[in-house]
């Protein structure tokens, strides 16, 4: 019979890169989903501010956490507020491909 001592350790070391990659993919998907939820809330906050006569851009930016300050763009056209948010990611090029957009509409206050 062959000696099989250490086989489990070898298999674990061989599987670690695949496990790490799977964990990173899962975390990136969670971060992207969270960014979508934040973009939805920010667009709604901007639309509510627009409806009440306030600044939609300030309200949308104010509804986001501090880390998103550099990664968000807000556009207001008529009664529509659009928020574009780049999710957090260790790779900038990946984050650029996973940008989420959300929009909300309201009648501007008169």
PDB file of N, CA and C in Angstrom:
ATOM      1  N   UNK A   1       0.820  -1.177   0.000  1.00  0.00           N
ATOM      2  CA  UNK A   1       0.000   0.000   0.000  1.00  0.00           C
ATOM      3  C   UNK A   1       0.878   1.261   0.000  1.00  0.00           C
ATOM      4  N   UNK A   2       0.514   2.276  -0.795  1.00  0.00           N
ATOM      5  CA  UNK A   2       1.293   3.498  -0.864  1.00  0.00           C
ATOM      6  C   UNK A   2       1.079   4.345   0.381  1.00  0.00           C
ATOM      7  N   UNK A   3       2.075   5.128   0.711  1.00  0.00           N
ATOM      8  CA  UNK A   3       1.988   6.027   1.864  1.00  0.00           C
ATOM      9  C   UNK A   3       1.207   7.271   1.456  1.00  0.00           C
ATOM     10  N   UNK A   4       0.101   7.556   2.141  1.00  0.00           N
ATOM     11  CA  UNK A   4      -0.775   8.685   1.784  1.00  0.00           C
ATOM     12  C   UNK A   4      -0.737   9.802   2.815  1.00  0.00           C
ATOM     13  N   UNK A   5       0.248   9.795   3.694  1.00  0.00           N
ATOM     14  CA  UNK A   5       0.344  10.867   4.678  1.00  0.00           C
ATOM     15  C   UNK A   5       0.629  12.185   3.973  1.00  0.00           C
ATOM     16  N   UNK A   6      -0.072  13.232   4.391  1.00  0.00           N
ATOM     17  CA  UNK A   6       0.135  14.549   3.809  1.00  0.00           C
ATOM     18  C   UNK A   6      -0.732  14.833   2.592  1.00  0.00           C
ATOM     19  N   UNK A   7      -1.456  13.834   2.139  1.00  0.00           N
ATOM     20  CA  UNK A   7      -2.287  14.015   0.935  1.00  0.00           C
ATOM     21  C   UNK A   7      -3.332  15.109   1.129  1.00  0.00           C
ATOM     22  N   UNK A   8      -3.983  15.147   2.294  1.00  0.00           N
ATOM     23  CA  UNK A   8      -5.011  16.160   2.560  1.00  0.00           C
ATOM     24  C   UNK A   8      -4.408  17.564   2.552  1.00  0.00           C
ATOM     25  N   UNK A   9      -3.216  17.696   3.085  1.00  0.00           N
ATOM     26  CA  UNK A   9      -2.556  19.007   3.103  1.00  0.00           C
ATOM     27  C   UNK A   9      -2.240  19.474   1.687  1.00  0.00           C
ATOM     28  N   UNK A  10      -1.781  18.573   0.859  1.00  0.00           N
ATOM     29  CA  UNK A  10      -1.470  18.901  -0.531  1.00  0.00           C
ATOM     30  C   UNK A  10      -2.735  19.323  -1.277  1.00  0.00           C
ATOM     31  N   UNK A  11      -3.818  18.587  -1.057  1.00  0.00           N
ATOM     32  CA  UNK A  11      -5.082  18.924  -1.717  1.00  0.00           C
ATOM     33  C   UNK A  11      -5.622  20.275  -1.237  1.00  0.00           C
ATOM     34  N   UNK A  12      -5.461  20.553   0.049  1.00  0.00           N
ATOM     35  CA  UNK A  12      -5.908  21.844   0.579  1.00  0.00           C
ATOM     36  C   UNK A  12      -5.125  22.988  -0.038  1.00  0.00           C
ATOM     37  N   UNK A  13      -3.829  22.851  -0.103  1.00  0.00           N
ATOM     38  CA  UNK A  13      -2.984  23.890  -0.703  1.00  0.00           C
ATOM     39  C   UNK A  13      -3.338  24.075  -2.173  1.00  0.00           C
ATOM     40  N   UNK A  14      -3.642  23.009  -2.869  1.00  0.00           N
ATOM     41  CA  UNK A  14      -4.008  23.101  -4.287  1.00  0.00           C
ATOM     42  C   UNK A  14      -5.364  23.777  -4.470  1.00  0.00           C
ATOM     43  N   UNK A  15      -6.269  23.599  -3.502  1.00  0.00           N
ATOM     44  CA  UNK A  15      -7.619  24.164  -3.621  1.00  0.00           C
ATOM     45  C   UNK A  15      -7.714  25.606  -3.127  1.00  0.00           C
ATOM     46  N   UNK A  16      -6.741  26.077  -2.361  1.00  0.00           N
ATOM     47  CA  UNK A  16      -6.823  27.427  -1.799  1.00  0.00           C
ATOM     48  C   UNK A  16      -7.009  28.540  -2.846  1.00  0.00           C
ATOM     49  N   UNK A  17      -6.294  28.551  -3.953  1.00  0.00           N
ATOM     50  CA  UNK A  17      -6.522  29.613  -4.944  1.00  0.00           C
ATOM     51  C   UNK A  17      -7.961  29.632  -5.476  1.00  0.00           C
ATOM     52  N   UNK A  18      -8.531  28.467  -5.713  1.00  0.00           N
ATOM     53  CA  UNK A  18      -9.912  28.407  -6.209  1.00  0.00           C
ATOM     54  C   UNK A  18     -10.888  28.894  -5.145  1.00  0.00           C
ATOM     55  N   UNK A  19     -10.656  28.513  -3.893  1.00  0.00           N
ATOM     56  CA  UNK A  19     -11.508  28.985  -2.800  1.00  0.00           C
ATOM     57  C   UNK A  19     -11.397  30.492  -2.619  1.00  0.00           C
ATOM     58  N   UNK A  20     -10.191  31.018  -2.707  1.00  0.00           N
ATOM     59  CA  UNK A  20      -9.980  32.459  -2.585  1.00  0.00           C
ATOM     60  C   UNK A  20     -10.666  33.216  -3.716  1.00  0.00           C
ATOM     61  N   UNK A  21     -10.548  32.714  -4.926  1.00  0.00           N
ATOM     62  CA  UNK A  21     -11.208  33.344  -6.070  1.00  0.00           C
ATOM     63  C   UNK A  21     -12.732  33.325  -5.903  1.00  0.00           C
ATOM     64  N   UNK A  22     -13.276  32.213  -5.464  1.00  0.00           N
ATOM     65  CA  UNK A  22     -14.722  32.124  -5.243  1.00  0.00           C
ATOM     66  C   UNK A  22     -15.178  33.107  -4.172  1.00  0.00           C
ATOM     67  N   UNK A  23     -14.398  33.252  -3.118  1.00  0.00           N
ATOM     68  CA  UNK A  23     -14.738  34.205  -2.057  1.00  0.00           C
ATOM     69  C   UNK A  23     -14.682  35.640  -2.572  1.00  0.00           C
ATOM     70  N   UNK A  24     -13.675  35.964  -3.376  1.00  0.00           N
ATOM     71  CA  UNK A  24     -13.571  37.321  -3.928  1.00  0.00           C
ATOM     72  C   UNK A  24     -14.725  37.630  -4.882  1.00  0.00           C
ATOM     73  N   UNK A  25     -15.116  36.669  -5.687  1.00  0.00           N
ATOM     74  CA  UNK A  25     -16.251  36.864  -6.597  1.00  0.00           C
ATOM     75  C   UNK A  25     -17.531  37.088  -5.795  1.00  0.00           C
ATOM     76  N   UNK A  26     -17.727  36.295  -4.758  1.00  0.00           N
ATOM     77  CA  UNK A  26     -18.928  36.452  -3.925  1.00  0.00           C
ATOM     78  C   UNK A  26     -18.946  37.819  -3.247  1.00  0.00           C
ATOM     79  N   UNK A  27     -17.827  38.256  -2.712  1.00  0.00           N
ATOM     80  CA  UNK A  27     -17.766  39.570  -2.066  1.00  0.00           C
ATOM     81  C   UNK A  27     -17.996  40.698  -3.068  1.00  0.00           C
ATOM     82  N   UNK A  28     -17.475  40.548  -4.283  1.00  0.00           N
ATOM     83  CA  UNK A  28     -17.687  41.581  -5.294  1.00  0.00           C
ATOM     84  C   UNK A  28     -19.150  41.662  -5.694  1.00  0.00           C
ATOM     85  N   UNK A  29     -19.812  40.533  -5.802  1.00  0.00           N
ATOM     86  CA  UNK A  29     -21.238  40.535  -6.119  1.00  0.00           C
ATOM     87  C   UNK A  29     -22.051  41.177  -4.999  1.00  0.00           C
ATOM     88  N   UNK A  30     -21.690  40.901  -3.758  1.00  0.00           N
ATOM     89  CA  UNK A  30     -22.363  41.544  -2.628  1.00  0.00           C
ATOM     90  C   UNK A  30     -22.136  43.057  -2.635  1.00  0.00           C
ATOM     91  N   UNK A  31     -20.919  43.483  -2.913  1.00  0.00           N
ATOM     92  CA  UNK A  31     -20.618  44.919  -2.963  1.00  0.00           C
ATOM     93  C   UNK A  31     -21.388  45.603  -4.087  1.00  0.00           C
ATOM     94  N   UNK A  32     -21.529  44.936  -5.212  1.00  0.00           N
ATOM     95  CA  UNK A  32     -22.284  45.506  -6.334  1.00  0.00           C
ATOM     96  C   UNK A  32     -23.771  45.602  -6.006  1.00  0.00           C
ATOM     97  N   UNK A  33     -24.315  44.579  -5.358  1.00  0.00           N
ATOM     98  CA  UNK A  33     -25.713  44.636  -4.925  1.00  0.00           C
ATOM     99  C   UNK A  33     -25.944  45.746  -3.911  1.00  0.00           C
ATOM    100  N   UNK A  34     -25.005  45.904  -2.993  1.00  0.00           N
ATOM    101  CA  UNK A  34     -25.108  46.975  -2.000  1.00  0.00           C
ATOM    102  C   UNK A  34     -25.051  48.340  -2.682  1.00  0.00           C
ATOM    103  N   UNK A  35     -24.169  48.485  -3.670  1.00  0.00           N
ATOM    104  CA  UNK A  35     -24.077  49.741  -4.406  1.00  0.00           C
ATOM    105  C   UNK A  35     -25.390  50.042  -5.130  1.00  0.00           C
ATOM    106  N   UNK A  36     -26.045  49.018  -5.666  1.00  0.00           N
ATOM    107  CA  UNK A  36     -27.333  49.214  -6.338  1.00  0.00           C
ATOM    108  C   UNK A  36     -28.380  49.706  -5.354  1.00  0.00           C
ATOM    109  N   UNK A  37     -28.410  49.132  -4.166  1.00  0.00           N
ATOM    110  CA  UNK A  37     -29.349  49.566  -3.130  1.00  0.00           C
ATOM    111  C   UNK A  37     -29.074  51.017  -2.741  1.00  0.00           C
ATOM    112  N   UNK A  38     -27.809  51.363  -2.597  1.00  0.00           N
ATOM    113  CA  UNK A  38     -27.454  52.746  -2.259  1.00  0.00           C
ATOM    114  C   UNK A  38     -27.839  53.715  -3.368  1.00  0.00           C
ATOM    115  N   UNK A  39     -27.621  53.320  -4.615  1.00  0.00           N
ATOM    116  CA  UNK A  39     -27.975  54.181  -5.743  1.00  0.00           C
ATOM    117  C   UNK A  39     -29.485  54.403  -5.800  1.00  0.00           C
ATOM    118  N   UNK A  40     -30.260  53.351  -5.532  1.00  0.00           N
ATOM    119  CA  UNK A  40     -31.724  53.486  -5.496  1.00  0.00           C
ATOM    120  C   UNK A  40     -32.149  54.503  -4.441  1.00  0.00           C
ATOM    121  N   UNK A  41     -31.594  54.377  -3.250  1.00  0.00           N
ATOM    122  CA  UNK A  41     -31.939  55.291  -2.165  1.00  0.00           C
ATOM    123  C   UNK A  41     -31.518  56.718  -2.453  1.00  0.00           C
ATOM    124  N   UNK A  42     -30.357  56.888  -3.055  1.00  0.00           N
ATOM    125  CA  UNK A  42     -29.875  58.226  -3.385  1.00  0.00           C
ATOM    126  C   UNK A  42     -30.736  58.873  -4.465  1.00  0.00           C
ATOM    127  N   UNK A  43     -31.129  58.106  -5.469  1.00  0.00           N
ATOM    128  CA  UNK A  43     -31.991  58.652  -6.521  1.00  0.00           C
ATOM    129  C   UNK A  43     -33.340  59.070  -5.941  1.00  0.00           C
ATOM    130  N   UNK A  44     -33.876  58.253  -5.051  1.00  0.00           N
ATOM    131  CA  UNK A  44     -35.152  58.595  -4.420  1.00  0.00           C
ATOM    132  C   UNK A  44     -35.026  59.839  -3.546  1.00  0.00           C
ATOM    133  N   UNK A  45     -33.931  59.943  -2.794  1.00  0.00           N
ATOM    134  CA  UNK A  45     -33.705  61.128  -1.965  1.00  0.00           C
ATOM    135  C   UNK A  45     -33.594  62.376  -2.830  1.00  0.00           C
ATOM    136  N   UNK A  46     -32.917  62.250  -3.965  1.00  0.00           N
ATOM    137  CA  UNK A  46     -32.795  63.383  -4.875  1.00  0.00           C
ATOM    138  C   UNK A  46     -34.137  63.781  -5.462  1.00  0.00           C
ATOM    139  N   UNK A  47     -34.957  62.798  -5.832  1.00  0.00           N
ATOM    140  CA  UNK A  47     -36.278  63.095  -6.395  1.00  0.00           C
ATOM    141  C   UNK A  47     -37.181  63.752  -5.348  1.00  0.00           C
ATOM    142  N   UNK A  48     -37.113  63.295  -4.118  1.00  0.00           N
ATOM    143  CA  UNK A  48     -37.914  63.910  -3.047  1.00  0.00           C
ATOM    144  C   UNK A  48     -37.474  65.345  -2.791  1.00  0.00           C
ATOM    145  N   UNK A  49     -36.171  65.583  -2.810  1.00  0.00           N
ATOM    146  CA  UNK A  49     -35.674  66.947  -2.637  1.00  0.00           C
ATOM    147  C   UNK A  49     -36.121  67.828  -3.795  1.00  0.00           C
ATOM    148  N   UNK A  50     -36.077  67.299  -4.993  1.00  0.00           N
ATOM    149  CA  UNK A  50     -36.512  68.043  -6.172  1.00  0.00           C
ATOM    150  C   UNK A  50     -37.990  68.407  -6.064  1.00  0.00           C
ATOM    151  N   UNK A  51     -38.796  67.465  -5.594  1.00  0.00           N
ATOM    152  CA  UNK A  51     -40.237  67.702  -5.449  1.00  0.00           C
ATOM    153  C   UNK A  51     -40.539  68.759  -4.396  1.00  0.00           C
ATOM    154  N   UNK A  52     -39.655  68.867  -3.400  1.00  0.00           N
ATOM    155  CA  UNK A  52     -39.904  69.844  -2.336  1.00  0.00           C
ATOM    156  C   UNK A  52     -39.161  71.157  -2.560  1.00  0.00           C
ATOM    157  N   UNK A  53     -38.504  71.287  -3.689  1.00  0.00           N
ATOM    158  CA  UNK A  53     -37.840  72.543  -4.025  1.00  0.00           C
ATOM    159  C   UNK A  53     -36.390  72.625  -3.589  1.00  0.00           C
ATOM    160  N   UNK A  54     -35.826  71.538  -3.086  1.00  0.00           N
ATOM    161  CA  UNK A  54     -34.429  71.524  -2.656  1.00  0.00           C
ATOM    162  C   UNK A  54     -33.495  71.113  -3.773  1.00  0.00           C
ATOM    163  N   UNK A  55     -32.231  70.982  -3.415  1.00  0.00           N
ATOM    164  CA  UNK A  55     -31.215  70.566  -4.382  1.00  0.00           C
ATOM    165  C   UNK A  55     -31.196  69.040  -4.486  1.00  0.00           C
ATOM    166  N   UNK A  56     -31.549  68.545  -5.644  1.00  0.00           N
ATOM    167  CA  UNK A  56     -31.569  67.096  -5.857  1.00  0.00           C
ATOM    168  C   UNK A  56     -30.171  66.518  -5.790  1.00  0.00           C
ATOM    169  N   UNK A  57     -29.198  67.215  -6.326  1.00  0.00           N
ATOM    170  CA  UNK A  57     -27.823  66.725  -6.329  1.00  0.00           C
ATOM    171  C   UNK A  57     -27.283  66.610  -4.914  1.00  0.00           C
ATOM    172  N   UNK A  58     -27.485  67.632  -4.110  1.00  0.00           N
ATOM    173  CA  UNK A  58     -27.003  67.585  -2.724  1.00  0.00           C
ATOM    174  C   UNK A  58     -27.704  66.490  -1.933  1.00  0.00           C
ATOM    175  N   UNK A  59     -28.999  66.336  -2.125  1.00  0.00           N
ATOM    176  CA  UNK A  59     -29.743  65.313  -1.398  1.00  0.00           C
ATOM    177  C   UNK A  59     -29.286  63.910  -1.798  1.00  0.00           C
ATOM    178  N   UNK A  60     -29.064  63.698  -3.082  1.00  0.00           N
ATOM    179  CA  UNK A  60     -28.618  62.380  -3.545  1.00  0.00           C
ATOM    180  C   UNK A  60     -27.229  62.065  -3.005  1.00  0.00           C
ATOM    181  N   UNK A  61     -26.332  63.023  -3.074  1.00  0.00           N
ATOM    182  CA  UNK A  61     -24.976  62.807  -2.544  1.00  0.00           C
ATOM    183  C   UNK A  61     -24.995  62.631  -1.032  1.00  0.00           C
ATOM    184  N   UNK A  62     -25.882  63.353  -0.354  1.00  0.00           N
ATOM    185  CA  UNK A  62     -25.987  63.249   1.092  1.00  0.00           C
ATOM    186  C   UNK A  62     -26.549  61.925   1.563  1.00  0.00           C
ATOM    187  N   UNK A  63     -27.237  61.214   0.693  1.00  0.00           N
ATOM    188  CA  UNK A  63     -27.828  59.915   1.046  1.00  0.00           C
ATOM    189  C   UNK A  63     -26.825  58.772   0.921  1.00  0.00           C
ATOM    190  N   UNK A  64     -25.623  59.074   0.458  1.00  0.00           N
ATOM    191  CA  UNK A  64     -24.611  58.035   0.251  1.00  0.00           C
ATOM    192  C   UNK A  64     -23.557  58.074   1.347  1.00  0.00           C
ATOM    193  N   UNK A  65     -22.933  56.934   1.643  1.00  0.00           N
ATOM    194  CA  UNK A  65     -21.857  56.918   2.640  1.00  0.00           C
ATOM    195  C   UNK A  65     -20.604  57.611   2.100  1.00  0.00           C
ATOM    196  N   UNK A  66     -19.683  57.919   2.984  1.00  0.00           N
ATOM    197  CA  UNK A  66     -18.474  58.660   2.611  1.00  0.00           C
ATOM    198  C   UNK A  66     -17.620  57.999   1.549  1.00  0.00           C
ATOM    199  N   UNK A  67     -17.544  56.669   1.536  1.00  0.00           N
ATOM    200  CA  UNK A  67     -16.675  56.010   0.558  1.00  0.00           C
ATOM    201  C   UNK A  67     -17.140  56.247  -0.871  1.00  0.00           C
ATOM    202  N   UNK A  68     -18.408  56.584  -1.057  1.00  0.00           N
ATOM    203  CA  UNK A  68     -18.958  56.739  -2.406  1.00  0.00           C
ATOM    204  C   UNK A  68     -18.750  58.144  -2.976  1.00  0.00           C
ATOM    205  N   UNK A  69     -18.197  59.038  -2.195  1.00  0.00           N
ATOM    206  CA  UNK A  69     -18.055  60.432  -2.621  1.00  0.00           C
ATOM    207  C   UNK A  69     -17.320  60.589  -3.952  1.00  0.00           C
ATOM    208  N   UNK A  70     -16.268  59.826  -4.134  1.00  0.00           N
ATOM    209  CA  UNK A  70     -15.474  59.906  -5.366  1.00  0.00           C
ATOM    210  C   UNK A  70     -16.040  59.043  -6.493  1.00  0.00           C
ATOM    211  N   UNK A  71     -16.965  58.154  -6.166  1.00  0.00           N
ATOM    212  CA  UNK A  71     -17.424  57.153  -7.128  1.00  0.00           C
ATOM    213  C   UNK A  71     -18.849  57.365  -7.616  1.00  0.00           C
ATOM    214  N   UNK A  72     -19.411  58.555  -7.424  1.00  0.00           N
ATOM    215  CA  UNK A  72     -20.807  58.794  -7.781  1.00  0.00           C
ATOM    216  C   UNK A  72     -20.916  59.977  -8.736  1.00  0.00           C
ATOM    217  N   UNK A  73     -21.891  59.882  -9.617  1.00  0.00           N
ATOM    218  CA  UNK A  73     -22.268  61.043 -10.428  1.00  0.00           C
ATOM    219  C   UNK A  73     -23.791  61.137 -10.392  1.00  0.00           C
ATOM    220  N   UNK A  74     -24.263  62.360 -10.258  1.00  0.00           N
ATOM    221  CA  UNK A  74     -25.701  62.616 -10.171  1.00  0.00           C
ATOM    222  C   UNK A  74     -26.085  63.538 -11.316  1.00  0.00           C
ATOM    223  N   UNK A  75     -27.141  63.188 -12.022  1.00  0.00           N
ATOM    224  CA  UNK A  75     -27.639  64.006 -13.123  1.00  0.00           C
ATOM    225  C   UNK A  75     -29.114  64.306 -12.878  1.00  0.00           C
ATOM    226  N   UNK A  76     -29.476  65.570 -13.096  1.00  0.00           N
ATOM    227  CA  UNK A  76     -30.868  65.987 -12.942  1.00  0.00           C
ATOM    228  C   UNK A  76     -31.317  66.575 -14.270  1.00  0.00           C
ATOM    229  N   UNK A  77     -32.336  65.971 -14.849  1.00  0.00           N
ATOM    230  CA  UNK A  77     -32.907  66.462 -16.112  1.00  0.00           C
ATOM    231  C   UNK A  77     -34.408  66.519 -15.950  1.00  0.00           C
ATOM    232  N   UNK A  78     -34.944  67.713 -15.956  1.00  0.00           N
ATOM    233  CA  UNK A  78     -36.372  67.868 -15.746  1.00  0.00           C
ATOM    234  C   UNK A  78     -36.740  67.374 -14.364  1.00  0.00           C
ATOM    235  N   UNK A  79     -37.624  66.428 -14.290  1.00  0.00           N
ATOM    236  CA  UNK A  79     -38.019  65.866 -13.016  1.00  0.00           C
ATOM    237  C   UNK A  79     -37.385  64.517 -12.738  1.00  0.00           C
ATOM    238  N   UNK A  80     -36.312  64.179 -13.445  1.00  0.00           N
ATOM    239  CA  UNK A  80     -35.683  62.859 -13.296  1.00  0.00           C
ATOM    240  C   UNK A  80     -34.287  63.010 -12.703  1.00  0.00           C
ATOM    241  N   UNK A  81     -34.040  62.243 -11.646  1.00  0.00           N
ATOM    242  CA  UNK A  81     -32.726  62.228 -10.988  1.00  0.00           C
ATOM    243  C   UNK A  81     -32.085  60.877 -11.260  1.00  0.00           C
ATOM    244  N   UNK A  82     -30.907  60.893 -11.861  1.00  0.00           N
ATOM    245  CA  UNK A  82     -30.171  59.660 -12.148  1.00  0.00           C
ATOM    246  C   UNK A  82     -28.900  59.636 -11.313  1.00  0.00           C
ATOM    247  N   UNK A  83     -28.658  58.495 -10.696  1.00  0.00           N
ATOM    248  CA  UNK A  83     -27.455  58.307  -9.887  1.00  0.00           C
ATOM    249  C   UNK A  83     -26.664  57.160 -10.483  1.00  0.00           C
ATOM    250  N   UNK A  84     -25.392  57.402 -10.721  1.00  0.00           N
ATOM    251  CA  UNK A  84     -24.479  56.394 -11.274  1.00  0.00           C
ATOM    252  C   UNK A  84     -23.400  56.166 -10.234  1.00  0.00           C
ATOM    253  N   UNK A  85     -23.256  54.921  -9.765  1.00  0.00           N
ATOM    254  CA  UNK A  85     -22.346  54.619  -8.665  1.00  0.00           C
ATOM    255  C   UNK A  85     -21.444  53.448  -9.015  1.00  0.00           C
ATOM    256  N   UNK A  86     -20.147  53.645  -8.773  1.00  0.00           N
ATOM    257  CA  UNK A  86     -19.174  52.575  -8.988  1.00  0.00           C
ATOM    258  C   UNK A  86     -19.007  51.829  -7.661  1.00  0.00           C
ATOM    259  N   UNK A  87     -19.213  50.520  -7.636  1.00  0.00           N
ATOM    260  CA  UNK A  87     -19.102  49.769  -6.377  1.00  0.00           C
ATOM    261  C   UNK A  87     -17.650  49.669  -5.922  1.00  0.00           C
ATOM    262  N   UNK A  88     -17.441  49.456  -4.633  1.00  0.00           N
ATOM    263  CA  UNK A  88     -16.065  49.259  -4.171  1.00  0.00           C
ATOM    264  C   UNK A  88     -15.502  47.962  -4.744  1.00  0.00           C
ATOM    265  N   UNK A  89     -14.236  47.997  -5.109  1.00  0.00           N
ATOM    266  CA  UNK A  89     -13.605  46.828  -5.698  1.00  0.00           C
ATOM    267  C   UNK A  89     -12.095  46.972  -5.574  1.00  0.00           C
ATOM    268  N   UNK A  90     -11.381  45.875  -5.380  1.00  0.00           N
ATOM    269  CA  UNK A  90      -9.925  45.956  -5.335  1.00  0.00           C
ATOM    270  C   UNK A  90      -9.310  46.265  -6.710  1.00  0.00           C
ATOM    271  N   UNK A  91     -10.059  46.016  -7.762  1.00  0.00           N
ATOM    272  CA  UNK A  91      -9.571  46.288  -9.119  1.00  0.00           C
ATOM    273  C   UNK A  91     -10.409  47.395  -9.754  1.00  0.00           C
ATOM    274  N   UNK A  92      -9.789  48.525 -10.052  1.00  0.00           N
ATOM    275  CA  UNK A  92     -10.497  49.675 -10.616  1.00  0.00           C
ATOM    276  C   UNK A  92     -11.173  49.331 -11.941  1.00  0.00           C
ATOM    277  N   UNK A  93     -10.497  48.570 -12.788  1.00  0.00           N
ATOM    278  CA  UNK A  93     -11.084  48.223 -14.097  1.00  0.00           C
ATOM    279  C   UNK A  93     -12.334  47.360 -13.922  1.00  0.00           C
ATOM    280  N   UNK A  94     -12.338  46.497 -12.922  1.00  0.00           N
ATOM    281  CA  UNK A  94     -13.518  45.683 -12.652  1.00  0.00           C
ATOM    282  C   UNK A  94     -14.660  46.558 -12.143  1.00  0.00           C
ATOM    283  N   UNK A  95     -14.350  47.486 -11.255  1.00  0.00           N
ATOM    284  CA  UNK A  95     -15.370  48.391 -10.724  1.00  0.00           C
ATOM    285  C   UNK A  95     -15.988  49.228 -11.842  1.00  0.00           C
ATOM    286  N   UNK A  96     -15.176  49.651 -12.805  1.00  0.00           N
ATOM    287  CA  UNK A  96     -15.696  50.436 -13.923  1.00  0.00           C
ATOM    288  C   UNK A  96     -16.695  49.630 -14.758  1.00  0.00           C
ATOM    289  N   UNK A  97     -16.526  48.321 -14.819  1.00  0.00           N
ATOM    290  CA  UNK A  97     -17.445  47.470 -15.582  1.00  0.00           C
ATOM    291  C   UNK A  97     -18.714  47.134 -14.809  1.00  0.00           C
ATOM    292  N   UNK A  98     -18.677  47.330 -13.486  1.00  0.00           N
ATOM    293  CA  UNK A  98     -19.817  46.975 -12.647  1.00  0.00           C
ATOM    294  C   UNK A  98     -20.605  48.197 -12.164  1.00  0.00           C
ATOM    295  N   UNK A  99     -20.435  49.325 -12.822  1.00  0.00           N
ATOM    296  CA  UNK A  99     -21.140  50.539 -12.425  1.00  0.00           C
ATOM    297  C   UNK A  99     -22.650  50.302 -12.456  1.00  0.00           C
ATOM    298  N   UNK A 100     -23.328  50.768 -11.413  1.00  0.00           N
ATOM    299  CA  UNK A 100     -24.783  50.628 -11.337  1.00  0.00           C
ATOM    300  C   UNK A 100     -25.429  51.997 -11.514  1.00  0.00           C
ATOM    301  N   UNK A 101     -26.617  52.005 -12.074  1.00  0.00           N
ATOM    302  CA  UNK A 101     -27.356  53.242 -12.307  1.00  0.00           C
ATOM    303  C   UNK A 101     -28.774  53.074 -11.803  1.00  0.00           C
ATOM    304  N   UNK A 102     -29.278  54.122 -11.187  1.00  0.00           N
ATOM    305  CA  UNK A 102     -30.657  54.120 -10.719  1.00  0.00           C
ATOM    306  C   UNK A 102     -31.245  55.506 -10.988  1.00  0.00           C
ATOM    307  N   UNK A 103     -32.543  55.547 -11.177  1.00  0.00           N
ATOM    308  CA  UNK A 103     -33.201  56.825 -11.459  1.00  0.00           C
ATOM    309  C   UNK A 103     -34.538  56.870 -10.740  1.00  0.00           C
ATOM    310  N   UNK A 104     -34.945  58.080 -10.408  1.00  0.00           N
ATOM    311  CA  UNK A 104     -36.257  58.318  -9.799  1.00  0.00           C
ATOM    312  C   UNK A 104     -36.808  59.611 -10.374  1.00  0.00           C
ATOM    313  N   UNK A 105     -38.089  59.716 -10.454  1.00  0.00           N
ATOM    314  CA  UNK A 105     -38.725  60.898 -11.043  1.00  0.00           C
ATOM    315  C   UNK A 105     -39.661  61.564 -10.039  1.00  0.00           C
ATOM    316  N   UNK A 106     -39.784  62.870 -10.190  1.00  0.00           N
ATOM    317  CA  UNK A 106     -40.711  63.643  -9.368  1.00  0.00           C
ATOM    318  C   UNK A 106     -41.029  64.921 -10.127  1.00  0.00           C
ATOM    319  N   UNK A 107     -42.154  65.493  -9.804  1.00  0.00           N
ATOM    320  CA  UNK A 107     -42.456  66.795 -10.383  1.00  0.00           C
ATOM    321  C   UNK A 107     -41.727  67.866  -9.599  1.00  0.00           C
ATOM    322  N   UNK A 108     -40.974  68.709 -10.286  1.00  0.00           N
ATOM    323  CA  UNK A 108     -40.266  69.776  -9.589  1.00  0.00           C
ATOM    324  C   UNK A 108     -41.257  70.713  -8.886  1.00  0.00           C
ATOM    325  N   UNK A 109     -40.846  71.213  -7.727  1.00  0.00           N
ATOM    326  CA  UNK A 109     -41.690  72.155  -6.984  1.00  0.00           C
ATOM    327  C   UNK A 109     -41.793  73.461  -7.765  1.00  0.00           C
ATOM    328  N   UNK A 110     -42.916  74.113  -7.644  1.00  0.00           N
ATOM    329  CA  UNK A 110     -43.082  75.392  -8.356  1.00  0.00           C
ATOM    330  C   UNK A 110     -43.207  76.518  -7.390  1.00  0.00           C
TER     331      UNK A 110
END
